[in-house]
Amino acid sequence: MADILLVYYSHTGFTRQVARDIADAVSCDVEELKELKQRRGYRGLIRAFFDSILKTATALQATEYEPEDYTLVVVGGPIWIDDIPPPVRSYMLQHRGKFKNVAWFCTCKSMDPERAAQNLGKLARTDVRAQLIVMRRELESLRREGGHDNELRANYHEKIVEFAHALGAIAD
């Protein structure tokens, strides 16, 4: 068993890409959070908006790993309405008080993710020990070639490596 568990929710696939890149950089078990309700289409978008504003929990598929079995749990998700998405909120509430150490990574378009990190720490009942913020434009640059995209790609990969080193230091 690894000392690190990486748990994430991805709605569009951007957060999944970051989770895979982190998992490639550190030895960890990986768990993707899956909702029981659908969030596709216009209705799903409206439901997601209201669930985020109201800080509603959501039903999740059963998870395989228990966070209390790990020295460090890395939690990831997109930023929705300046906060963590309902599936991440639900996971944190289900396992409240069971986290030894927590790190956070998020994907966002342009919003400030600081409030999300604070709320995650409150739900975990522990401080967030490391944080990685990935802007959507950085992830989109991975799909394109040339110019400014080369800088964004290099910056993204550097951030992944730095975050992986921080995770390793916490887990040791």
Protein backbone atom coordinates (compact mmCIF):
# COMPACT_ATOMS: atom_id res chain seq x y z
CA MET A 1 0.00 0.00 0.00
CA ALA A 2 1.19 3.51 -0.79
CA ASP A 3 1.41 6.25 1.84
CA ILE A 4 -0.49 8.62 -0.44
CA LEU A 5 -4.08 8.42 -1.67
CA LEU A 6 -5.10 10.69 -4.54
CA VAL A 7 -8.87 11.27 -4.68
CA TYR A 8 -10.42 13.48 -7.34
CA TYR A 9 -13.60 14.49 -9.12
CA SER A 10 -13.56 15.52 -12.77
CA HIS A 11 -16.56 16.82 -14.65
CA THR A 12 -14.96 17.66 -18.01
CA GLY A 13 -11.72 15.67 -17.93
CA PHE A 14 -9.34 18.51 -17.10
CA THR A 15 -8.99 17.50 -13.45
CA ARG A 16 -8.59 13.86 -14.50
CA GLN A 17 -5.58 14.88 -16.63
CA VAL A 18 -3.94 16.63 -13.68
CA ALA A 19 -4.66 13.66 -11.41
CA ARG A 20 -2.98 11.31 -13.90
CA ASP A 21 0.05 13.58 -14.17
CA ILE A 22 0.38 13.77 -10.38
CA ALA A 23 -0.01 9.98 -10.09
CA ASP A 24 2.75 9.55 -12.68
CA ALA A 25 5.03 11.73 -10.55
CA VAL A 26 4.39 10.11 -7.13
CA SER A 27 3.68 6.62 -5.91
CA CYS A 28 0.04 6.66 -4.83
CA ASP A 29 -3.28 4.90 -4.95
CA VAL A 30 -5.84 6.73 -7.09
CA GLU A 31 -9.60 7.00 -6.67
CA GLU A 32 -11.97 8.91 -8.95
CA LEU A 33 -15.14 10.14 -7.28
CA LYS A 34 -18.25 9.32 -9.28
CA GLU A 35 -21.64 10.86 -8.66
CA LEU A 36 -24.86 8.90 -8.86
CA LYS A 37 -26.71 11.87 -10.42
CA GLN A 38 -26.04 13.13 -13.93
CA ARG A 39 -24.68 16.65 -14.49
CA ARG A 40 -24.66 16.64 -18.29
CA GLY A 41 -26.60 19.05 -20.43
CA TYR A 42 -28.46 22.20 -19.50
CA ARG A 43 -30.36 20.65 -16.56
CA GLY A 44 -27.16 19.21 -15.15
CA LEU A 45 -25.48 22.59 -15.37
CA ILE A 46 -28.35 24.29 -13.53
CA ARG A 47 -28.34 21.54 -10.86
CA ALA A 48 -24.57 21.92 -10.46
CA PHE A 49 -24.93 25.69 -10.05
CA PHE A 50 -27.56 25.41 -7.31
CA ASP A 51 -25.81 22.52 -5.54
CA SER A 52 -22.62 24.60 -5.44
CA ILE A 53 -24.33 27.76 -4.18
CA LEU A 54 -26.27 25.84 -1.52
CA LYS A 55 -23.22 23.69 -0.60
CA THR A 56 -25.30 20.59 -1.16
CA ALA A 57 -23.78 17.15 -0.71
CA THR A 58 -24.40 14.57 -3.41
CA ALA A 59 -24.62 10.78 -3.48
CA LEU A 60 -21.40 9.09 -4.60
CA GLN A 61 -20.59 5.62 -5.82
CA ALA A 62 -18.84 3.57 -3.15
CA THR A 63 -15.11 4.21 -2.87
CA GLU A 64 -12.44 1.54 -2.62
CA TYR A 65 -9.88 3.18 -0.31
CA GLU A 66 -10.18 4.52 3.25
CA PRO A 67 -8.41 7.84 3.90
CA GLU A 68 -7.43 6.90 7.46
CA ASP A 69 -5.15 4.20 6.01
CA TYR A 70 -2.90 6.86 4.41
CA THR A 71 -0.37 9.35 5.71
CA LEU A 72 -1.52 11.85 3.08
CA VAL A 73 -4.72 12.25 1.09
CA VAL A 74 -4.46 14.46 -1.99
CA VAL A 75 -7.89 15.77 -2.97
CA GLY A 76 -8.60 17.32 -6.35
CA GLY A 77 -11.44 18.88 -8.22
CA PRO A 78 -12.55 21.80 -10.35
CA ILE A 79 -13.56 25.10 -8.83
CA TRP A 80 -17.30 25.67 -9.04
CA ILE A 81 -18.64 29.07 -7.97
CA ASP A 82 -15.39 29.82 -6.07
CA ASP A 83 -15.65 26.60 -4.06
CA ILE A 84 -15.16 22.85 -4.10
CA PRO A 85 -17.69 20.89 -6.16
CA PRO A 86 -20.44 18.88 -4.42
CA PRO A 87 -18.81 15.45 -5.03
CA VAL A 88 -15.62 16.57 -3.26
CA ARG A 89 -17.69 18.15 -0.47
CA SER A 90 -19.60 14.87 -0.07
CA TYR A 91 -16.40 12.81 0.13
CA MET A 92 -14.89 15.15 2.71
CA LEU A 93 -18.06 15.04 4.83
CA GLN A 94 -18.26 11.24 4.62
CA HIS A 95 -14.69 10.93 5.90
CA ARG A 96 -14.56 13.95 8.18
CA GLY A 97 -11.96 13.61 10.92
CA LYS A 98 -10.24 10.63 9.25
CA PHE A 99 -7.50 12.57 7.46
CA LYS A 100 -3.95 12.66 8.85
CA ASN A 101 -2.69 15.13 6.24
CA VAL A 102 -4.45 16.73 3.28
CA ALA A 103 -3.15 18.35 0.11
CA TRP A 104 -5.34 19.98 -2.54
CA PHE A 105 -5.17 20.49 -6.27
CA CYS A 106 -7.72 22.24 -8.41
CA THR A 107 -8.44 23.21 -11.95
CA CYS A 108 -10.07 26.53 -12.67
CA LYS A 109 -10.76 28.92 -15.47
CA SER A 110 -10.07 32.23 -13.77
CA MET A 111 -11.59 32.17 -10.31
CA ASP A 112 -9.59 32.48 -7.10
CA PRO A 113 -9.41 29.02 -5.49
CA GLU A 114 -8.29 30.18 -2.03
CA ARG A 115 -11.77 29.92 -0.51
CA ALA A 116 -12.05 26.37 -1.83
CA ALA A 117 -8.79 25.37 -0.11
CA GLN A 118 -9.97 26.90 3.18
CA ASN A 119 -13.31 25.10 2.97
CA LEU A 120 -11.58 21.81 2.16
CA GLY A 121 -9.40 22.18 5.26
CA LYS A 122 -12.46 22.87 7.42
CA LEU A 123 -14.23 19.78 6.07
CA ALA A 124 -11.10 17.65 6.60
CA ARG A 125 -10.62 19.11 10.09
CA THR A 126 -6.96 19.65 9.29
CA ASP A 127 -4.81 22.21 7.51
CA VAL A 128 -4.20 21.85 3.79
CA ARG A 129 -0.46 21.09 3.70
CA ALA A 130 0.16 21.67 -0.03
CA GLN A 131 -1.81 23.20 -2.88
CA LEU A 132 -1.59 23.09 -6.65
CA ILE A 133 -3.63 25.45 -8.81
CA VAL A 134 -3.86 24.64 -12.51
CA MET A 135 -5.48 27.11 -14.85
CA ARG A 136 -7.54 25.74 -17.69
CA ARG A 137 -5.40 27.56 -20.27
CA GLU A 138 -2.38 25.56 -19.02
CA LEU A 139 -4.22 22.30 -19.70
CA GLU A 140 -5.46 23.49 -23.07
CA SER A 141 -1.85 24.32 -24.01
CA LEU A 142 -0.99 20.62 -23.70
CA ARG A 143 -3.11 20.03 -26.80
CA ARG A 144 -1.50 22.75 -28.95
CA GLU A 145 1.97 23.46 -30.29
CA GLY A 146 4.11 26.55 -30.42
CA GLY A 147 4.65 30.04 -29.07
CA HIS A 148 3.08 30.95 -25.76
CA ASP A 149 1.77 27.39 -25.40
CA ASN A 150 5.34 26.10 -24.95
CA GLU A 151 5.75 28.39 -21.92
CA LEU A 152 2.42 27.31 -20.47
CA ARG A 153 3.29 23.63 -20.95
CA ALA A 154 6.69 24.07 -19.30
CA ASN A 155 5.10 25.96 -16.40
CA TYR A 156 2.48 23.24 -15.97
CA HIS A 157 5.05 20.43 -15.88
CA GLU A 158 7.21 22.39 -13.44
CA LYS A 159 4.22 22.89 -11.14
CA ILE A 160 3.46 19.14 -11.21
CA VAL A 161 7.06 18.28 -10.28
CA GLU A 162 7.13 20.85 -7.43
CA PHE A 163 3.80 19.58 -6.10
CA ALA A 164 5.02 15.97 -6.27
CA HIS A 165 8.12 16.90 -4.25
CA ALA A 166 5.95 18.63 -1.65
CA LEU A 167 3.70 15.55 -1.41
CA GLY A 168 6.70 13.27 -0.97
CA ALA A 169 8.03 15.45 1.85
CA ILE A 170 4.67 15.37 3.67
CA ALA A 171 4.25 11.60 3.28
CA ASP A 172 7.76 10.83 4.59
